[in-house]
Each structure stands twice: as structure tokens, then as C-alpha cells.
Amino acid sequence: MSLKKATLIIILVLLIDQISKIYIKTTFSLHEEIEVFSWFRIIFVENEGMAWGAKIPGSYGKLFLTLFRLVAITGIGYWLWDSVRKNSPKILIFCIALIFSGAMGNIIDSVFYGLIFNDSIHQVATLFPEAGGYGTLFHGKVVDMIQFPLFDGTFPNWFPMWGGQRFTFFDPVFNIADSAISIGVFLLILFNKKAFPKIDE
């Protein structure tokens, strides 16, 4: 696969990701939700940290995380360029392009959203508000909106620790960028032998 085709994949994923995030941010207030089906919801949440909402404590935690993401995506970008240069298998280049686009999508939120949006608490945010954004450069929040609560039930009373408690599977809220990363990693695992063929000695 050529670098041009990989770049087109990255641009397509980024466009879908950013359009969906801007739509949600400028249409929903925080935690507003719509049940599309019983197993599919659109719910607007903002993630200040890593996957599953984990955070790095301290006033510089968010800045450190954003800078780390920038360093990581530089490495992924080099991996993509080097794979194309070495004429690596198409599945490998495709997966790296997905991972790169997903990482870039969330980096855009982290770097710029604090500057270009105002707060979404009890209101619908405005793009490029006159009064300025809710944060500063590198301190934006990642917009998530997709949830698939495939099963909603209660643990049996005999179940250790969580007996009688309510649970939902699959509960996390994510976005298009997260999906691109997950699909890229999943395909690398599934097609591991094709992506990383052994070189005959």
C-alpha cells in the first residue's frame, strides 16, 4: 500500500471522527443522551484522561498526558512511513493508518478543544465562542459519544463481591477515534502472520 492511500485512510477517519465530535459538542449538553436502540445509545461525555476515563493526578497530569500522546504519535507516524518504505504487507500499513488516525483524532481534542469550545455543563457548547474556550492549549477534553449496552442486568446474590448489584455490558462510552485504534489493534492480532511474515533465511 502506498503512503498516499494510507494518508487517504487517515484523512477519512479524522473527518468522520471530528465531524461527529463537533456535532455532538454543539448539539448536546454534557451527559445528554439518546437511546437509538435498546443496545445502542448516543451519550455525550468528556474524557479528561486516558482510556476508560483514567486520569493522571496533579495539576500537570493532563499536560503530561497530551505531550506523551504527541511523542507516541510521532513514533506511530515513523512506523507507518518506514513500513511503506519497506513495502510491508497491506494489512500492516492499513492497521497502522487506523491506529495513527485514531490517536491523532483524540490528540486534536486534547490540544485544541479547550481553546475552541466553551463549557458543556448545563448548556450546549459554542464553537469559537467570543468569551474564549473552557481551557488552554494542551488541556482539552476528549469527546466521547457511543455506547453499546448490549446487556443490562443484575448479578445473582450468590455472585462473589458484586452479588445483587446492577451491571451493564458493554458500558464504556467511546468515539470514532477509539474505534479506529481498537479495530487496528484487533486486526493486527487477528492477521498477525500476514502483518508480520517470517523472512526465510
N, C-alpha and C. Protein backbone atom coordinates (compact mmCIF):
# COMPACT_ATOMS: atom_id res chain seq x y z
N MET A 1 0.84 -1.19 0.00
CA MET A 1 0.00 0.00 0.00
C MET A 1 0.88 1.25 0.00
N SER A 2 0.53 2.22 -0.81
CA SER A 2 1.32 3.44 -0.90
C SER A 2 1.02 4.38 0.27
N LEU A 3 1.93 5.31 0.49
CA LEU A 3 1.73 6.31 1.54
C LEU A 3 0.52 7.18 1.22
N LYS A 4 0.27 7.41 -0.07
CA LYS A 4 -0.88 8.22 -0.47
C LYS A 4 -2.19 7.57 -0.04
N LYS A 5 -2.31 6.27 -0.25
CA LYS A 5 -3.53 5.55 0.16
C LYS A 5 -3.67 5.52 1.67
N ALA A 6 -2.56 5.32 2.37
CA ALA A 6 -2.59 5.34 3.83
C ALA A 6 -3.03 6.71 4.35
N THR A 7 -2.54 7.76 3.69
CA THR A 7 -2.92 9.13 4.09
C THR A 7 -4.41 9.37 3.86
N LEU A 8 -4.96 8.83 2.77
CA LEU A 8 -6.39 8.98 2.50
C LEU A 8 -7.22 8.30 3.58
N ILE A 9 -6.76 7.13 4.04
CA ILE A 9 -7.46 6.44 5.13
C ILE A 9 -7.44 7.30 6.39
N ILE A 10 -6.28 7.87 6.69
CA ILE A 10 -6.14 8.72 7.88
C ILE A 10 -7.06 9.93 7.79
N ILE A 11 -7.08 10.59 6.64
CA ILE A 11 -7.92 11.78 6.46
C ILE A 11 -9.40 11.42 6.60
N LEU A 12 -9.82 10.31 6.01
CA LEU A 12 -11.22 9.87 6.08
C LEU A 12 -11.64 9.62 7.53
N VAL A 13 -10.83 8.87 8.27
CA VAL A 13 -11.15 8.59 9.67
C VAL A 13 -11.19 9.88 10.50
N LEU A 14 -10.22 10.76 10.27
CA LEU A 14 -10.18 12.03 11.01
C LEU A 14 -11.41 12.88 10.72
N LEU A 15 -11.84 12.93 9.46
CA LEU A 15 -13.02 13.71 9.11
C LEU A 15 -14.26 13.18 9.81
N ILE A 16 -14.46 11.85 9.75
CA ILE A 16 -15.63 11.25 10.41
C ILE A 16 -15.57 11.49 11.92
N ASP A 17 -14.38 11.32 12.49
CA ASP A 17 -14.20 11.49 13.93
C ASP A 17 -14.49 12.93 14.35
N GLN A 18 -13.88 13.89 13.69
CA GLN A 18 -14.03 15.28 14.10
C GLN A 18 -15.42 15.84 13.80
N ILE A 19 -16.01 15.45 12.68
CA ILE A 19 -17.37 15.90 12.38
C ILE A 19 -18.35 15.39 13.43
N SER A 20 -18.20 14.11 13.81
CA SER A 20 -19.09 13.54 14.83
C SER A 20 -18.90 14.23 16.19
N LYS A 21 -17.66 14.53 16.54
CA LYS A 21 -17.39 15.19 17.82
C LYS A 21 -17.90 16.62 17.85
N ILE A 22 -17.67 17.36 16.76
CA ILE A 22 -18.15 18.74 16.71
C ILE A 22 -19.68 18.78 16.73
N TYR A 23 -20.31 17.82 16.03
CA TYR A 23 -21.78 17.75 16.05
C TYR A 23 -22.29 17.50 17.46
N ILE A 24 -21.72 16.51 18.14
CA ILE A 24 -22.15 16.20 19.50
C ILE A 24 -21.91 17.38 20.44
N LYS A 25 -20.73 17.97 20.35
CA LYS A 25 -20.36 19.07 21.24
C LYS A 25 -21.26 20.28 21.06
N THR A 26 -21.72 20.53 19.83
CA THR A 26 -22.54 21.72 19.55
C THR A 26 -24.04 21.41 19.49
N THR A 27 -24.41 20.17 19.84
CA THR A 27 -25.83 19.79 19.82
C THR A 27 -26.31 19.26 21.16
N PHE A 28 -25.42 18.64 21.92
CA PHE A 28 -25.78 18.02 23.20
C PHE A 28 -25.14 18.80 24.35
N SER A 29 -25.83 18.83 25.49
CA SER A 29 -25.18 19.28 26.72
C SER A 29 -24.56 18.06 27.38
N LEU A 30 -23.65 18.27 28.31
CA LEU A 30 -22.92 17.16 28.93
C LEU A 30 -23.87 16.16 29.57
N HIS A 31 -23.67 14.88 29.29
CA HIS A 31 -24.44 13.75 29.80
C HIS A 31 -25.83 13.61 29.17
N GLU A 32 -26.16 14.45 28.21
CA GLU A 32 -27.41 14.26 27.47
C GLU A 32 -27.28 13.02 26.62
N GLU A 33 -28.38 12.27 26.49
CA GLU A 33 -28.29 11.01 25.74
C GLU A 33 -29.55 10.75 24.94
N ILE A 34 -29.39 9.94 23.90
CA ILE A 34 -30.49 9.48 23.07
C ILE A 34 -30.37 7.97 22.94
N GLU A 35 -31.45 7.25 23.21
CA GLU A 35 -31.45 5.80 23.03
C GLU A 35 -31.90 5.49 21.61
N VAL A 36 -30.98 5.09 20.76
CA VAL A 36 -31.29 4.76 19.37
C VAL A 36 -31.98 3.40 19.31
N PHE A 37 -31.36 2.43 19.97
CA PHE A 37 -31.95 1.11 20.18
C PHE A 37 -31.70 0.74 21.64
N SER A 38 -32.29 -0.35 22.09
CA SER A 38 -32.07 -0.76 23.48
C SER A 38 -30.61 -1.10 23.74
N TRP A 39 -29.88 -1.46 22.66
CA TRP A 39 -28.47 -1.86 22.79
C TRP A 39 -27.51 -0.81 22.25
N PHE A 40 -28.02 0.36 21.86
CA PHE A 40 -27.16 1.41 21.28
C PHE A 40 -27.63 2.79 21.74
N ARG A 41 -26.74 3.52 22.40
CA ARG A 41 -27.06 4.86 22.86
C ARG A 41 -26.03 5.86 22.36
N ILE A 42 -26.48 7.07 22.13
CA ILE A 42 -25.59 8.21 21.92
C ILE A 42 -25.65 9.04 23.18
N ILE A 43 -24.54 9.14 23.89
CA ILE A 43 -24.48 9.87 25.14
C ILE A 43 -23.20 10.70 25.16
N PHE A 44 -23.33 11.98 25.46
CA PHE A 44 -22.19 12.89 25.41
C PHE A 44 -21.47 12.93 26.76
N VAL A 45 -20.24 12.45 26.75
CA VAL A 45 -19.38 12.57 27.93
C VAL A 45 -18.03 13.12 27.47
N GLU A 46 -17.29 13.67 28.41
CA GLU A 46 -15.96 14.18 28.11
C GLU A 46 -14.94 13.45 28.96
N ASN A 47 -13.86 13.05 28.32
CA ASN A 47 -12.81 12.28 28.98
C ASN A 47 -11.59 13.17 29.17
N GLU A 48 -11.23 13.41 30.42
CA GLU A 48 -10.08 14.27 30.71
C GLU A 48 -8.76 13.51 30.72
N GLY A 49 -8.84 12.20 30.69
CA GLY A 49 -7.62 11.43 30.85
C GLY A 49 -7.42 10.38 29.79
N MET A 50 -7.07 9.18 30.25
CA MET A 50 -6.71 8.09 29.36
C MET A 50 -7.94 7.22 29.07
N ALA A 51 -7.71 6.03 28.57
CA ALA A 51 -8.80 5.10 28.28
C ALA A 51 -9.57 4.77 29.54
N TRP A 52 -10.88 4.55 29.37
CA TRP A 52 -11.78 4.23 30.46
C TRP A 52 -11.88 5.36 31.50
N GLY A 53 -11.49 6.57 31.10
CA GLY A 53 -11.62 7.72 32.00
C GLY A 53 -10.55 7.83 33.06
N ALA A 54 -9.51 7.01 33.00
CA ALA A 54 -8.43 7.09 33.99
C ALA A 54 -7.71 8.42 33.87
N LYS A 55 -7.21 8.94 34.98
CA LYS A 55 -6.55 10.24 34.99
C LYS A 55 -5.17 10.14 35.63
N ILE A 56 -4.30 11.06 35.23
CA ILE A 56 -3.01 11.20 35.90
C ILE A 56 -3.17 12.33 36.92
N PRO A 57 -2.98 12.07 38.21
CA PRO A 57 -3.22 13.09 39.23
C PRO A 57 -2.22 14.24 39.14
N GLY A 58 -2.62 15.36 39.73
CA GLY A 58 -1.74 16.53 39.76
C GLY A 58 -2.11 17.56 38.71
N SER A 59 -1.71 18.80 38.93
CA SER A 59 -2.07 19.89 38.03
C SER A 59 -1.43 19.76 36.66
N TYR A 60 -0.32 19.02 36.56
CA TYR A 60 0.35 18.86 35.28
C TYR A 60 0.06 17.52 34.63
N GLY A 61 -0.85 16.75 35.23
CA GLY A 61 -1.16 15.43 34.69
C GLY A 61 -1.71 15.47 33.28
N LYS A 62 -2.65 16.38 33.02
CA LYS A 62 -3.26 16.50 31.70
C LYS A 62 -2.22 16.93 30.67
N LEU A 63 -1.37 17.90 31.03
CA LEU A 63 -0.32 18.37 30.11
C LEU A 63 0.64 17.24 29.78
N PHE A 64 1.04 16.47 30.80
CA PHE A 64 1.95 15.35 30.58
C PHE A 64 1.33 14.33 29.64
N LEU A 65 0.05 14.03 29.84
CA LEU A 65 -0.63 13.04 29.01
C LEU A 65 -0.68 13.49 27.55
N THR A 66 -1.00 14.78 27.33
CA THR A 66 -1.08 15.29 25.97
C THR A 66 0.28 15.26 25.29
N LEU A 67 1.32 15.66 26.01
CA LEU A 67 2.68 15.64 25.45
C LEU A 67 3.12 14.21 25.16
N PHE A 68 2.75 13.28 26.04
CA PHE A 68 3.07 11.87 25.81
C PHE A 68 2.39 11.37 24.54
N ARG A 69 1.13 11.78 24.33
CA ARG A 69 0.41 11.38 23.12
C ARG A 69 1.11 11.91 21.88
N LEU A 70 1.61 13.14 21.95
CA LEU A 70 2.31 13.73 20.81
C LEU A 70 3.59 12.96 20.48
N VAL A 71 4.31 12.55 21.52
CA VAL A 71 5.52 11.76 21.31
C VAL A 71 5.15 10.39 20.72
N ALA A 72 4.09 9.78 21.26
CA ALA A 72 3.67 8.46 20.79
C ALA A 72 3.25 8.49 19.33
N ILE A 73 2.50 9.53 18.94
CA ILE A 73 2.02 9.56 17.56
C ILE A 73 3.17 9.85 16.59
N THR A 74 4.22 10.52 17.06
CA THR A 74 5.41 10.70 16.24
C THR A 74 6.03 9.34 15.92
N GLY A 75 6.09 8.48 16.95
CA GLY A 75 6.62 7.13 16.75
C GLY A 75 5.74 6.31 15.82
N ILE A 76 4.40 6.43 15.97
CA ILE A 76 3.49 5.70 15.09
C ILE A 76 3.63 6.19 13.65
N GLY A 77 3.81 7.52 13.49
CA GLY A 77 3.98 8.08 12.16
C GLY A 77 5.24 7.56 11.49
N TYR A 78 6.30 7.46 12.27
CA TYR A 78 7.56 6.91 11.71
C TYR A 78 7.37 5.44 11.34
N TRP A 79 6.66 4.70 12.19
CA TRP A 79 6.39 3.28 11.92
C TRP A 79 5.63 3.14 10.60
N LEU A 80 4.65 4.01 10.38
CA LEU A 80 3.88 3.97 9.14
C LEU A 80 4.77 4.28 7.94
N TRP A 81 5.54 5.34 8.03
CA TRP A 81 6.42 5.73 6.91
C TRP A 81 7.44 4.63 6.62
N ASP A 82 8.02 4.05 7.66
CA ASP A 82 9.02 3.02 7.49
C ASP A 82 8.42 1.75 6.89
N SER A 83 7.18 1.43 7.29
CA SER A 83 6.51 0.24 6.76
C SER A 83 6.21 0.40 5.27
N VAL A 84 5.80 1.61 4.89
CA VAL A 84 5.55 1.87 3.47
C VAL A 84 6.86 1.79 2.69
N ARG A 85 7.92 2.38 3.26
CA ARG A 85 9.23 2.39 2.60
C ARG A 85 9.74 0.97 2.37
N LYS A 86 9.47 0.08 3.33
CA LYS A 86 9.95 -1.30 3.23
C LYS A 86 8.98 -2.20 2.46
N ASN A 87 7.90 -1.58 1.91
CA ASN A 87 6.91 -2.34 1.16
C ASN A 87 6.32 -3.48 2.00
N SER A 88 5.96 -3.15 3.22
CA SER A 88 5.38 -4.13 4.15
C SER A 88 3.99 -4.55 3.68
N PRO A 89 3.44 -5.63 4.23
CA PRO A 89 2.11 -6.09 3.82
C PRO A 89 1.04 -5.01 3.97
N LYS A 90 0.07 -5.05 3.07
CA LYS A 90 -1.00 -4.04 3.07
C LYS A 90 -1.77 -4.02 4.39
N ILE A 91 -1.99 -5.19 4.97
CA ILE A 91 -2.76 -5.25 6.21
C ILE A 91 -2.03 -4.52 7.34
N LEU A 92 -0.71 -4.60 7.36
CA LEU A 92 0.06 -3.91 8.39
C LEU A 92 -0.06 -2.40 8.21
N ILE A 93 0.12 -1.92 7.00
CA ILE A 93 0.04 -0.48 6.73
C ILE A 93 -1.37 0.04 7.01
N PHE A 94 -2.38 -0.74 6.63
CA PHE A 94 -3.77 -0.36 6.88
C PHE A 94 -4.03 -0.22 8.38
N CYS A 95 -3.55 -1.18 9.16
CA CYS A 95 -3.75 -1.16 10.61
C CYS A 95 -3.02 0.01 11.26
N ILE A 96 -1.80 0.26 10.84
CA ILE A 96 -1.04 1.39 11.39
C ILE A 96 -1.74 2.70 11.06
N ALA A 97 -2.28 2.82 9.84
CA ALA A 97 -3.01 4.02 9.45
C ALA A 97 -4.23 4.23 10.34
N LEU A 98 -4.95 3.15 10.66
CA LEU A 98 -6.10 3.25 11.56
C LEU A 98 -5.67 3.72 12.96
N ILE A 99 -4.60 3.10 13.48
CA ILE A 99 -4.11 3.46 14.81
C ILE A 99 -3.64 4.91 14.83
N PHE A 100 -2.93 5.32 13.79
CA PHE A 100 -2.43 6.70 13.71
C PHE A 100 -3.59 7.69 13.67
N SER A 101 -4.59 7.42 12.83
CA SER A 101 -5.72 8.34 12.70
C SER A 101 -6.51 8.43 14.00
N GLY A 102 -6.68 7.29 14.68
CA GLY A 102 -7.39 7.31 15.95
C GLY A 102 -6.65 8.11 17.01
N ALA A 103 -5.34 7.89 17.09
CA ALA A 103 -4.54 8.64 18.06
C ALA A 103 -4.56 10.13 17.73
N MET A 104 -4.46 10.46 16.45
CA MET A 104 -4.48 11.87 16.04
C MET A 104 -5.83 12.52 16.35
N GLY A 105 -6.91 11.78 16.15
CA GLY A 105 -8.24 12.31 16.44
C GLY A 105 -8.38 12.74 17.88
N ASN A 106 -7.91 11.91 18.81
CA ASN A 106 -8.01 12.25 20.23
C ASN A 106 -7.00 13.33 20.63
N ILE A 107 -5.87 13.38 19.94
CA ILE A 107 -4.89 14.43 20.21
C ILE A 107 -5.46 15.80 19.84
N ILE A 108 -6.19 15.86 18.73
CA ILE A 108 -6.80 17.13 18.33
C ILE A 108 -7.70 17.66 19.44
N ASP A 109 -8.50 16.77 20.04
CA ASP A 109 -9.35 17.17 21.18
C ASP A 109 -8.51 17.70 22.32
N SER A 110 -7.48 16.94 22.69
CA SER A 110 -6.66 17.29 23.85
C SER A 110 -5.92 18.61 23.65
N VAL A 111 -5.47 18.85 22.45
CA VAL A 111 -4.67 20.05 22.19
C VAL A 111 -5.53 21.29 21.99
N PHE A 112 -6.62 21.17 21.19
CA PHE A 112 -7.33 22.36 20.74
C PHE A 112 -8.73 22.60 21.33
N TYR A 113 -9.42 21.55 21.78
CA TYR A 113 -10.82 21.73 22.16
C TYR A 113 -11.01 22.70 23.33
N GLY A 114 -10.04 22.77 24.23
CA GLY A 114 -10.15 23.72 25.33
C GLY A 114 -10.14 25.16 24.86
N LEU A 115 -9.54 25.40 23.69
CA LEU A 115 -9.47 26.76 23.13
C LEU A 115 -10.67 27.12 22.28
N ILE A 116 -11.22 26.14 21.54
CA ILE A 116 -12.23 26.48 20.54
C ILE A 116 -13.67 26.23 20.99
N PHE A 117 -13.87 25.60 22.15
CA PHE A 117 -15.22 25.38 22.67
C PHE A 117 -15.35 25.98 24.06
N ASN A 118 -16.57 26.45 24.40
CA ASN A 118 -16.83 26.78 25.80
C ASN A 118 -17.40 25.55 26.50
N ASP A 119 -17.70 25.68 27.77
CA ASP A 119 -18.09 24.53 28.59
C ASP A 119 -19.43 23.95 28.15
N SER A 120 -19.63 22.66 28.40
CA SER A 120 -20.87 21.97 28.03
C SER A 120 -21.74 21.65 29.23
N ILE A 121 -21.36 22.10 30.41
CA ILE A 121 -22.13 21.81 31.62
C ILE A 121 -23.40 22.64 31.63
N HIS A 122 -24.56 21.96 31.63
CA HIS A 122 -25.89 22.61 31.65
C HIS A 122 -26.13 23.50 30.44
N GLN A 123 -25.40 23.31 29.37
CA GLN A 123 -25.61 24.10 28.16
C GLN A 123 -25.00 23.38 26.97
N VAL A 124 -25.41 23.81 25.77
CA VAL A 124 -24.80 23.32 24.55
C VAL A 124 -23.63 24.23 24.21
N ALA A 125 -22.47 23.65 23.97
CA ALA A 125 -21.26 24.44 23.73
C ALA A 125 -21.32 25.17 22.39
N THR A 126 -20.54 26.23 22.30
CA THR A 126 -20.42 27.02 21.07
C THR A 126 -19.01 26.86 20.51
N LEU A 127 -18.93 26.70 19.21
CA LEU A 127 -17.63 26.63 18.54
C LEU A 127 -17.10 28.04 18.35
N PHE A 128 -15.87 28.28 18.76
CA PHE A 128 -15.22 29.59 18.71
C PHE A 128 -16.04 30.67 19.45
N PRO A 129 -16.32 30.46 20.74
CA PRO A 129 -17.10 31.45 21.50
C PRO A 129 -16.33 32.77 21.65
N GLU A 130 -17.08 33.86 21.70
CA GLU A 130 -16.45 35.18 21.83
C GLU A 130 -15.69 35.32 23.14
N ALA A 131 -16.20 34.71 24.19
CA ALA A 131 -15.56 34.83 25.51
C ALA A 131 -14.37 33.90 25.67
N GLY A 132 -14.10 33.08 24.68
CA GLY A 132 -12.98 32.15 24.77
C GLY A 132 -13.41 30.77 25.20
N GLY A 133 -12.48 29.83 25.14
CA GLY A 133 -12.78 28.44 25.44
C GLY A 133 -12.76 28.13 26.92
N TYR A 134 -13.05 26.85 27.24
CA TYR A 134 -13.11 26.42 28.64
C TYR A 134 -11.74 26.09 29.21
N GLY A 135 -10.72 26.05 28.36
CA GLY A 135 -9.39 25.68 28.84
C GLY A 135 -8.30 26.35 28.04
N THR A 136 -7.12 25.80 28.15
CA THR A 136 -5.96 26.35 27.45
C THR A 136 -5.40 25.31 26.49
N LEU A 137 -4.41 25.70 25.71
CA LEU A 137 -3.76 24.79 24.79
C LEU A 137 -3.21 23.58 25.54
N PHE A 138 -3.40 22.39 24.98
CA PHE A 138 -2.97 21.11 25.57
C PHE A 138 -3.84 20.65 26.74
N HIS A 139 -4.93 21.36 27.05
CA HIS A 139 -5.76 20.98 28.20
C HIS A 139 -7.21 20.72 27.80
N GLY A 140 -7.43 20.30 26.56
CA GLY A 140 -8.78 19.99 26.11
C GLY A 140 -9.24 18.62 26.59
N LYS A 141 -10.55 18.41 26.53
CA LYS A 141 -11.14 17.13 26.93
C LYS A 141 -11.57 16.37 25.69
N VAL A 142 -11.38 15.06 25.69
CA VAL A 142 -11.75 14.22 24.56
C VAL A 142 -13.25 13.96 24.60
N VAL A 143 -13.91 14.16 23.47
CA VAL A 143 -15.36 13.97 23.35
C VAL A 143 -15.66 12.51 23.02
N ASP A 144 -16.50 11.88 23.85
CA ASP A 144 -16.97 10.51 23.62
C ASP A 144 -18.48 10.53 23.48
N MET A 145 -19.02 9.58 22.70
CA MET A 145 -20.47 9.62 22.49
C MET A 145 -21.15 8.29 22.17
N ILE A 146 -20.42 7.23 21.95
CA ILE A 146 -21.00 5.96 21.51
C ILE A 146 -21.00 4.96 22.66
N GLN A 147 -22.14 4.33 22.88
CA GLN A 147 -22.23 3.29 23.92
C GLN A 147 -23.09 2.14 23.43
N PHE A 148 -22.63 0.93 23.68
CA PHE A 148 -23.37 -0.27 23.31
C PHE A 148 -23.69 -1.09 24.56
N PRO A 149 -24.74 -0.74 25.30
CA PRO A 149 -25.13 -1.55 26.47
C PRO A 149 -25.86 -2.81 26.02
N LEU A 150 -25.08 -3.79 25.56
CA LEU A 150 -25.66 -4.99 24.95
C LEU A 150 -26.49 -5.80 25.93
N PHE A 151 -26.12 -5.74 27.21
CA PHE A 151 -26.88 -6.48 28.22
C PHE A 151 -26.92 -5.69 29.50
N ASP A 152 -28.10 -5.53 30.06
CA ASP A 152 -28.28 -4.79 31.30
C ASP A 152 -28.99 -5.71 32.28
N GLY A 153 -28.34 -6.01 33.41
CA GLY A 153 -28.94 -6.94 34.36
C GLY A 153 -28.40 -6.78 35.76
N THR A 154 -28.62 -7.79 36.56
CA THR A 154 -28.20 -7.78 37.97
C THR A 154 -27.44 -9.06 38.28
N PHE A 155 -26.30 -8.93 38.96
CA PHE A 155 -25.55 -10.11 39.37
C PHE A 155 -26.38 -10.94 40.35
N PRO A 156 -26.35 -12.27 40.23
CA PRO A 156 -27.04 -13.13 41.21
C PRO A 156 -26.50 -12.87 42.62
N ASN A 157 -27.34 -13.06 43.61
CA ASN A 157 -26.94 -12.81 45.00
C ASN A 157 -25.75 -13.66 45.43
N TRP A 158 -25.61 -14.86 44.84
CA TRP A 158 -24.52 -15.74 45.23
C TRP A 158 -23.19 -15.34 44.59
N PHE A 159 -23.22 -14.39 43.64
CA PHE A 159 -22.01 -14.00 42.93
C PHE A 159 -21.06 -13.26 43.88
N PRO A 160 -19.77 -13.68 43.95
CA PRO A 160 -18.81 -13.05 44.88
C PRO A 160 -18.66 -11.55 44.64
N MET A 161 -18.59 -10.78 45.69
CA MET A 161 -18.31 -9.34 45.71
C MET A 161 -19.44 -8.49 45.13
N TRP A 162 -19.94 -8.84 43.92
CA TRP A 162 -20.92 -7.98 43.25
C TRP A 162 -22.33 -8.55 43.29
N GLY A 163 -22.59 -9.56 44.10
CA GLY A 163 -23.91 -10.17 44.18
C GLY A 163 -25.00 -9.15 44.46
N GLY A 164 -26.05 -9.17 43.64
CA GLY A 164 -27.17 -8.26 43.80
C GLY A 164 -26.98 -6.89 43.18
N GLN A 165 -25.78 -6.60 42.68
CA GLN A 165 -25.52 -5.30 42.09
C GLN A 165 -25.87 -5.29 40.60
N ARG A 166 -26.30 -4.14 40.13
CA ARG A 166 -26.66 -3.97 38.72
C ARG A 166 -25.39 -3.82 37.88
N PHE A 167 -25.39 -4.35 36.66
CA PHE A 167 -24.24 -4.20 35.77
C PHE A 167 -24.71 -4.08 34.32
N THR A 168 -23.87 -3.47 33.51
CA THR A 168 -24.16 -3.31 32.09
C THR A 168 -22.96 -3.81 31.28
N PHE A 169 -23.23 -4.55 30.23
CA PHE A 169 -22.20 -4.99 29.31
C PHE A 169 -22.64 -4.60 27.90
N PHE A 170 -22.01 -3.77 27.22
CA PHE A 170 -20.69 -3.16 27.36
C PHE A 170 -20.92 -1.71 27.78
N ASP A 171 -20.37 -1.25 28.90
CA ASP A 171 -20.73 0.03 29.50
C ASP A 171 -19.90 1.23 29.02
N PRO A 172 -18.62 1.09 28.68
CA PRO A 172 -17.80 2.26 28.34
C PRO A 172 -18.37 3.08 27.18
N VAL A 173 -18.13 4.40 27.23
CA VAL A 173 -18.52 5.31 26.16
C VAL A 173 -17.25 5.67 25.39
N PHE A 174 -17.32 5.62 24.06
CA PHE A 174 -16.11 5.83 23.25
C PHE A 174 -16.45 6.68 22.04
N ASN A 175 -15.49 6.86 21.13
CA ASN A 175 -15.70 7.68 19.94
C ASN A 175 -15.14 6.97 18.70
N ILE A 176 -15.22 7.62 17.56
CA ILE A 176 -14.75 7.03 16.31
C ILE A 176 -13.24 6.78 16.35
N ALA A 177 -12.50 7.73 16.95
CA ALA A 177 -11.04 7.57 17.05
C ALA A 177 -10.69 6.34 17.87
N ASP A 178 -11.37 6.14 19.00
CA ASP A 178 -11.14 4.94 19.81
C ASP A 178 -11.43 3.68 19.00
N SER A 179 -12.51 3.73 18.22
CA SER A 179 -12.88 2.57 17.40
C SER A 179 -11.79 2.25 16.38
N ALA A 180 -11.23 3.29 15.75
CA ALA A 180 -10.17 3.08 14.76
C ALA A 180 -8.96 2.41 15.39
N ILE A 181 -8.58 2.87 16.58
CA ILE A 181 -7.44 2.26 17.28
C ILE A 181 -7.73 0.81 17.62
N SER A 182 -8.92 0.55 18.17
CA SER A 182 -9.30 -0.80 18.58
C SER A 182 -9.34 -1.75 17.39
N ILE A 183 -9.93 -1.28 16.27
CA ILE A 183 -10.01 -2.12 15.07
C ILE A 183 -8.62 -2.41 14.52
N GLY A 184 -7.76 -1.37 14.50
CA GLY A 184 -6.39 -1.56 14.03
C GLY A 184 -5.63 -2.60 14.84
N VAL A 185 -5.73 -2.50 16.16
CA VAL A 185 -5.04 -3.45 17.04
C VAL A 185 -5.64 -4.85 16.89
N PHE A 186 -6.97 -4.94 16.83
CA PHE A 186 -7.65 -6.23 16.68
C PHE A 186 -7.23 -6.93 15.40
N LEU A 187 -7.18 -6.16 14.29
CA LEU A 187 -6.78 -6.76 13.01
C LEU A 187 -5.32 -7.20 13.01
N LEU A 188 -4.47 -6.44 13.71
CA LEU A 188 -3.06 -6.85 13.83
C LEU A 188 -2.93 -8.18 14.56
N ILE A 189 -3.75 -8.35 15.59
CA ILE A 189 -3.72 -9.61 16.34
C ILE A 189 -4.29 -10.75 15.49
N LEU A 190 -5.43 -10.45 14.83
CA LEU A 190 -6.12 -11.48 14.05
C LEU A 190 -5.29 -11.94 12.85
N PHE A 191 -4.65 -10.98 12.18
CA PHE A 191 -3.85 -11.29 10.98
C PHE A 191 -2.36 -11.11 11.26
N ASN A 192 -1.96 -11.55 12.42
CA ASN A 192 -0.58 -11.38 12.87
C ASN A 192 0.43 -11.97 11.89
N LYS A 193 0.15 -13.17 11.39
CA LYS A 193 1.10 -13.85 10.50
C LYS A 193 1.22 -13.13 9.15
N LYS A 194 0.11 -12.54 8.68
CA LYS A 194 0.15 -11.80 7.41
C LYS A 194 0.82 -10.44 7.59
N ALA A 195 0.57 -9.82 8.75
CA ALA A 195 1.12 -8.49 9.00
C ALA A 195 2.62 -8.54 9.26
N PHE A 196 3.05 -9.62 9.93
CA PHE A 196 4.46 -9.76 10.27
C PHE A 196 4.98 -11.10 9.77
N PRO A 197 5.09 -11.25 8.46
CA PRO A 197 5.54 -12.55 7.90
C PRO A 197 7.00 -12.82 8.27
N LYS A 198 7.26 -14.11 8.49
CA LYS A 198 8.64 -14.51 8.80
C LYS A 198 9.48 -14.50 7.52
N ILE A 199 10.67 -13.97 7.63
CA ILE A 199 11.57 -13.90 6.48
C ILE A 199 12.41 -15.18 6.44
N ASP A 200 12.34 -15.88 5.32
CA ASP A 200 13.09 -17.12 5.18
C ASP A 200 14.59 -16.82 5.17
N GLU A 201 15.31 -17.56 5.93
CA GLU A 201 16.77 -17.36 6.00
C GLU A 201 17.43 -18.01 4.78
